[in-house]
Amino acid sequence: MVSLLVFIYEDYGLDFLSRLLNGYHRQELISLLHRVYQHYLIATIDWAVGSLLRSDDEFAEAIAQLHLIEVQEEQQRQVLFSACGIA
């Protein structure tokens, strides 16, 4: 389920994701959002490593995304939580 939510987060954005998660209880939602963010980071790392191994042209883009995650991690997490109604 978490992998599907990561896909939705990446491809459809926070607005759609927050609508899907609207029915969750607060404690369940907090736990779920932490896992979604962790899987999002893992998926980005997997993309970077796979790109490096394939020697394709997406490696620079994947590294740039990882750098952005590193620099804006707390802000991105807060935006994710806020969009889903968790302050």
N, C-alpha and C. Protein backbone atom coordinates (compact mmCIF):
# COMPACT_ATOMS: atom_id res chain seq x y z
N MET A 1 0.81 -1.20 0.00
CA MET A 1 0.00 0.00 0.00
C MET A 1 0.86 1.26 0.00
N VAL A 2 1.94 1.24 0.79
CA VAL A 2 2.78 2.43 0.89
C VAL A 2 3.40 2.76 -0.46
N SER A 3 3.84 1.73 -1.19
CA SER A 3 4.45 1.97 -2.50
C SER A 3 3.46 2.64 -3.46
N LEU A 4 2.22 2.22 -3.39
CA LEU A 4 1.17 2.84 -4.21
C LEU A 4 0.99 4.31 -3.83
N LEU A 5 1.01 4.59 -2.53
CA LEU A 5 0.87 5.97 -2.08
C LEU A 5 2.05 6.84 -2.52
N VAL A 6 3.24 6.25 -2.54
CA VAL A 6 4.42 6.98 -3.03
C VAL A 6 4.23 7.31 -4.50
N PHE A 7 3.77 6.35 -5.28
CA PHE A 7 3.50 6.58 -6.69
C PHE A 7 2.50 7.73 -6.86
N ILE A 8 1.45 7.71 -6.08
CA ILE A 8 0.44 8.77 -6.15
C ILE A 8 1.05 10.11 -5.77
N TYR A 9 1.85 10.12 -4.71
CA TYR A 9 2.53 11.34 -4.26
C TYR A 9 3.42 11.90 -5.36
N GLU A 10 4.20 11.03 -6.01
CA GLU A 10 5.12 11.47 -7.06
C GLU A 10 4.40 11.93 -8.32
N ASP A 11 3.38 11.18 -8.73
CA ASP A 11 2.77 11.43 -10.02
C ASP A 11 1.53 12.33 -10.00
N TYR A 12 0.83 12.36 -8.88
CA TYR A 12 -0.42 13.13 -8.84
C TYR A 12 -0.39 14.27 -7.83
N GLY A 13 0.58 14.27 -6.94
CA GLY A 13 0.75 15.39 -6.04
C GLY A 13 0.03 15.26 -4.70
N LEU A 14 0.30 16.24 -3.89
CA LEU A 14 -0.22 16.25 -2.53
C LEU A 14 -1.72 16.40 -2.44
N ASP A 15 -2.29 17.18 -3.32
CA ASP A 15 -3.73 17.41 -3.25
C ASP A 15 -4.50 16.10 -3.40
N PHE A 16 -4.15 15.33 -4.39
CA PHE A 16 -4.82 14.05 -4.61
C PHE A 16 -4.53 13.08 -3.48
N LEU A 17 -3.27 13.00 -3.04
CA LEU A 17 -2.91 12.12 -1.95
C LEU A 17 -3.68 12.46 -0.68
N SER A 18 -3.78 13.74 -0.37
CA SER A 18 -4.49 14.14 0.85
C SER A 18 -5.97 13.77 0.78
N ARG A 19 -6.56 13.82 -0.40
CA ARG A 19 -7.96 13.41 -0.55
C ARG A 19 -8.14 11.92 -0.31
N LEU A 20 -7.17 11.13 -0.77
CA LEU A 20 -7.23 9.68 -0.56
C LEU A 20 -7.11 9.31 0.91
N LEU A 21 -6.32 10.07 1.65
CA LEU A 21 -6.04 9.73 3.03
C LEU A 21 -6.96 10.43 4.02
N ASN A 22 -7.95 11.10 3.52
CA ASN A 22 -8.85 11.90 4.35
C ASN A 22 -9.56 11.09 5.44
N GLY A 23 -9.83 9.83 5.21
CA GLY A 23 -10.60 9.04 6.16
C GLY A 23 -9.80 8.38 7.27
N TYR A 24 -8.48 8.50 7.24
CA TYR A 24 -7.65 7.86 8.25
C TYR A 24 -7.73 8.60 9.59
N HIS A 25 -7.64 7.84 10.67
CA HIS A 25 -7.54 8.44 12.00
C HIS A 25 -6.16 9.09 12.14
N ARG A 26 -6.06 10.10 12.95
CA ARG A 26 -4.85 10.91 13.09
C ARG A 26 -3.61 10.06 13.36
N GLN A 27 -3.64 9.17 14.35
CA GLN A 27 -2.46 8.38 14.70
C GLN A 27 -2.05 7.45 13.57
N GLU A 28 -3.02 6.82 12.92
CA GLU A 28 -2.72 5.96 11.78
C GLU A 28 -2.12 6.78 10.64
N LEU A 29 -2.65 7.97 10.44
CA LEU A 29 -2.19 8.83 9.35
C LEU A 29 -0.76 9.30 9.59
N ILE A 30 -0.44 9.66 10.81
CA ILE A 30 0.93 10.09 11.11
C ILE A 30 1.93 8.98 10.80
N SER A 31 1.63 7.78 11.25
CA SER A 31 2.50 6.63 11.00
C SER A 31 2.61 6.35 9.50
N LEU A 32 1.48 6.38 8.83
CA LEU A 32 1.46 6.12 7.40
C LEU A 32 2.26 7.16 6.63
N LEU A 33 2.12 8.43 6.98
CA LEU A 33 2.84 9.49 6.27
C LEU A 33 4.34 9.39 6.49
N HIS A 34 4.78 8.98 7.67
CA HIS A 34 6.21 8.75 7.89
C HIS A 34 6.72 7.66 6.96
N ARG A 35 5.94 6.59 6.85
CA ARG A 35 6.35 5.48 5.96
C ARG A 35 6.32 5.91 4.50
N VAL A 36 5.33 6.68 4.10
CA VAL A 36 5.27 7.17 2.72
C VAL A 36 6.52 8.00 2.41
N TYR A 37 6.89 8.90 3.32
CA TYR A 37 8.06 9.74 3.07
C TYR A 37 9.33 8.90 3.02
N GLN A 38 9.48 7.92 3.91
CA GLN A 38 10.65 7.05 3.88
C GLN A 38 10.72 6.26 2.58
N HIS A 39 9.61 5.73 2.13
CA HIS A 39 9.59 4.98 0.87
C HIS A 39 9.84 5.89 -0.33
N TYR A 40 9.39 7.12 -0.25
CA TYR A 40 9.67 8.10 -1.29
C TYR A 40 11.18 8.31 -1.40
N LEU A 41 11.85 8.46 -0.27
CA LEU A 41 13.29 8.64 -0.27
C LEU A 41 13.99 7.38 -0.79
N ILE A 42 13.55 6.22 -0.36
CA ILE A 42 14.14 4.96 -0.83
C ILE A 42 13.94 4.79 -2.34
N ALA A 43 12.77 5.14 -2.83
CA ALA A 43 12.50 5.04 -4.28
C ALA A 43 13.41 5.97 -5.07
N THR A 44 13.69 7.13 -4.53
CA THR A 44 14.58 8.07 -5.21
C THR A 44 16.01 7.55 -5.21
N ILE A 45 16.45 6.97 -4.11
CA ILE A 45 17.78 6.36 -4.05
C ILE A 45 17.87 5.20 -5.03
N ASP A 46 16.84 4.36 -5.07
CA ASP A 46 16.80 3.23 -5.99
C ASP A 46 16.89 3.71 -7.44
N TRP A 47 16.19 4.79 -7.74
CA TRP A 47 16.23 5.37 -9.09
C TRP A 47 17.65 5.83 -9.42
N ALA A 48 18.31 6.49 -8.47
CA ALA A 48 19.67 6.98 -8.72
C ALA A 48 20.65 5.83 -8.93
N VAL A 49 20.58 4.82 -8.08
CA VAL A 49 21.48 3.67 -8.21
C VAL A 49 21.22 2.92 -9.51
N GLY A 50 19.96 2.69 -9.81
CA GLY A 50 19.61 2.01 -11.07
C GLY A 50 20.09 2.78 -12.28
N SER A 51 19.94 4.07 -12.23
CA SER A 51 20.39 4.92 -13.33
C SER A 51 21.90 4.86 -13.49
N LEU A 52 22.60 4.86 -12.38
CA LEU A 52 24.06 4.76 -12.42
C LEU A 52 24.49 3.42 -13.02
N LEU A 53 23.85 2.35 -12.59
CA LEU A 53 24.20 1.01 -13.09
C LEU A 53 23.89 0.86 -14.57
N ARG A 54 22.84 1.52 -15.02
CA ARG A 54 22.47 1.47 -16.44
C ARG A 54 23.27 2.46 -17.28
N SER A 55 23.97 3.35 -16.60
CA SER A 55 24.73 4.43 -17.27
C SER A 55 23.82 5.25 -18.19
N ASP A 56 22.62 5.55 -17.71
CA ASP A 56 21.72 6.34 -18.55
C ASP A 56 21.79 7.82 -18.15
N ASP A 57 21.05 8.62 -18.88
CA ASP A 57 21.13 10.07 -18.69
C ASP A 57 20.25 10.60 -17.56
N GLU A 58 19.59 9.72 -16.82
CA GLU A 58 18.75 10.16 -15.70
C GLU A 58 19.52 10.28 -14.39
N PHE A 59 20.77 9.84 -14.38
CA PHE A 59 21.53 9.85 -13.14
C PHE A 59 21.66 11.26 -12.56
N ALA A 60 22.00 12.22 -13.37
CA ALA A 60 22.16 13.61 -12.89
C ALA A 60 20.84 14.13 -12.32
N GLU A 61 19.75 13.80 -12.97
CA GLU A 61 18.43 14.23 -12.48
C GLU A 61 18.11 13.57 -11.14
N ALA A 62 18.43 12.28 -11.01
CA ALA A 62 18.17 11.56 -9.77
C ALA A 62 19.01 12.13 -8.63
N ILE A 63 20.26 12.43 -8.89
CA ILE A 63 21.14 13.01 -7.86
C ILE A 63 20.64 14.40 -7.48
N ALA A 64 20.19 15.17 -8.45
CA ALA A 64 19.64 16.50 -8.14
C ALA A 64 18.40 16.37 -7.26
N GLN A 65 17.57 15.37 -7.52
CA GLN A 65 16.38 15.15 -6.69
C GLN A 65 16.78 14.75 -5.27
N LEU A 66 17.78 13.89 -5.14
CA LEU A 66 18.25 13.50 -3.81
C LEU A 66 18.81 14.70 -3.06
N HIS A 67 19.54 15.55 -3.76
CA HIS A 67 20.07 16.76 -3.13
C HIS A 67 18.93 17.66 -2.66
N LEU A 68 17.93 17.82 -3.49
CA LEU A 68 16.77 18.63 -3.12
C LEU A 68 16.07 18.06 -1.89
N ILE A 69 15.93 16.75 -1.85
CA ILE A 69 15.33 16.10 -0.68
C ILE A 69 16.17 16.38 0.56
N GLU A 70 17.47 16.28 0.43
CA GLU A 70 18.36 16.53 1.57
C GLU A 70 18.23 17.96 2.07
N VAL A 71 18.23 18.90 1.16
CA VAL A 71 18.19 20.32 1.53
C VAL A 71 16.82 20.71 2.09
N GLN A 72 15.77 20.16 1.51
CA GLN A 72 14.42 20.58 1.88
C GLN A 72 13.63 19.50 2.60
N GLU A 73 14.33 18.54 3.22
CA GLU A 73 13.64 17.39 3.81
C GLU A 73 12.56 17.79 4.81
N GLU A 74 12.89 18.60 5.77
CA GLU A 74 11.91 18.96 6.79
C GLU A 74 10.75 19.74 6.19
N GLN A 75 11.06 20.65 5.28
CA GLN A 75 10.00 21.43 4.63
C GLN A 75 9.08 20.52 3.83
N GLN A 76 9.64 19.59 3.06
CA GLN A 76 8.82 18.68 2.26
C GLN A 76 7.95 17.81 3.16
N ARG A 77 8.52 17.34 4.26
CA ARG A 77 7.75 16.51 5.18
C ARG A 77 6.60 17.30 5.80
N GLN A 78 6.87 18.55 6.17
CA GLN A 78 5.82 19.39 6.75
C GLN A 78 4.71 19.69 5.74
N VAL A 79 5.08 19.90 4.49
CA VAL A 79 4.09 20.14 3.44
C VAL A 79 3.23 18.91 3.26
N LEU A 80 3.84 17.74 3.25
CA LEU A 80 3.11 16.48 3.13
C LEU A 80 2.13 16.32 4.29
N PHE A 81 2.61 16.54 5.50
CA PHE A 81 1.75 16.38 6.67
C PHE A 81 0.64 17.43 6.69
N SER A 82 0.97 18.65 6.37
CA SER A 82 -0.04 19.73 6.37
C SER A 82 -1.12 19.47 5.34
N ALA A 83 -0.73 19.01 4.17
CA ALA A 83 -1.70 18.74 3.10
C ALA A 83 -2.68 17.65 3.52
N CYS A 84 -2.23 16.78 4.41
CA CYS A 84 -3.08 15.67 4.88
C CYS A 84 -3.74 15.99 6.23
N GLY A 85 -3.67 17.25 6.63
CA GLY A 85 -4.38 17.68 7.84
C GLY A 85 -3.66 17.44 9.14
N ILE A 86 -2.35 17.15 9.09
CA ILE A 86 -1.55 16.94 10.30
C ILE A 86 -0.62 18.14 10.43
N ALA A 87 -0.78 18.87 11.50
CA ALA A 87 0.06 20.07 11.71
C ALA A 87 1.39 19.73 12.32
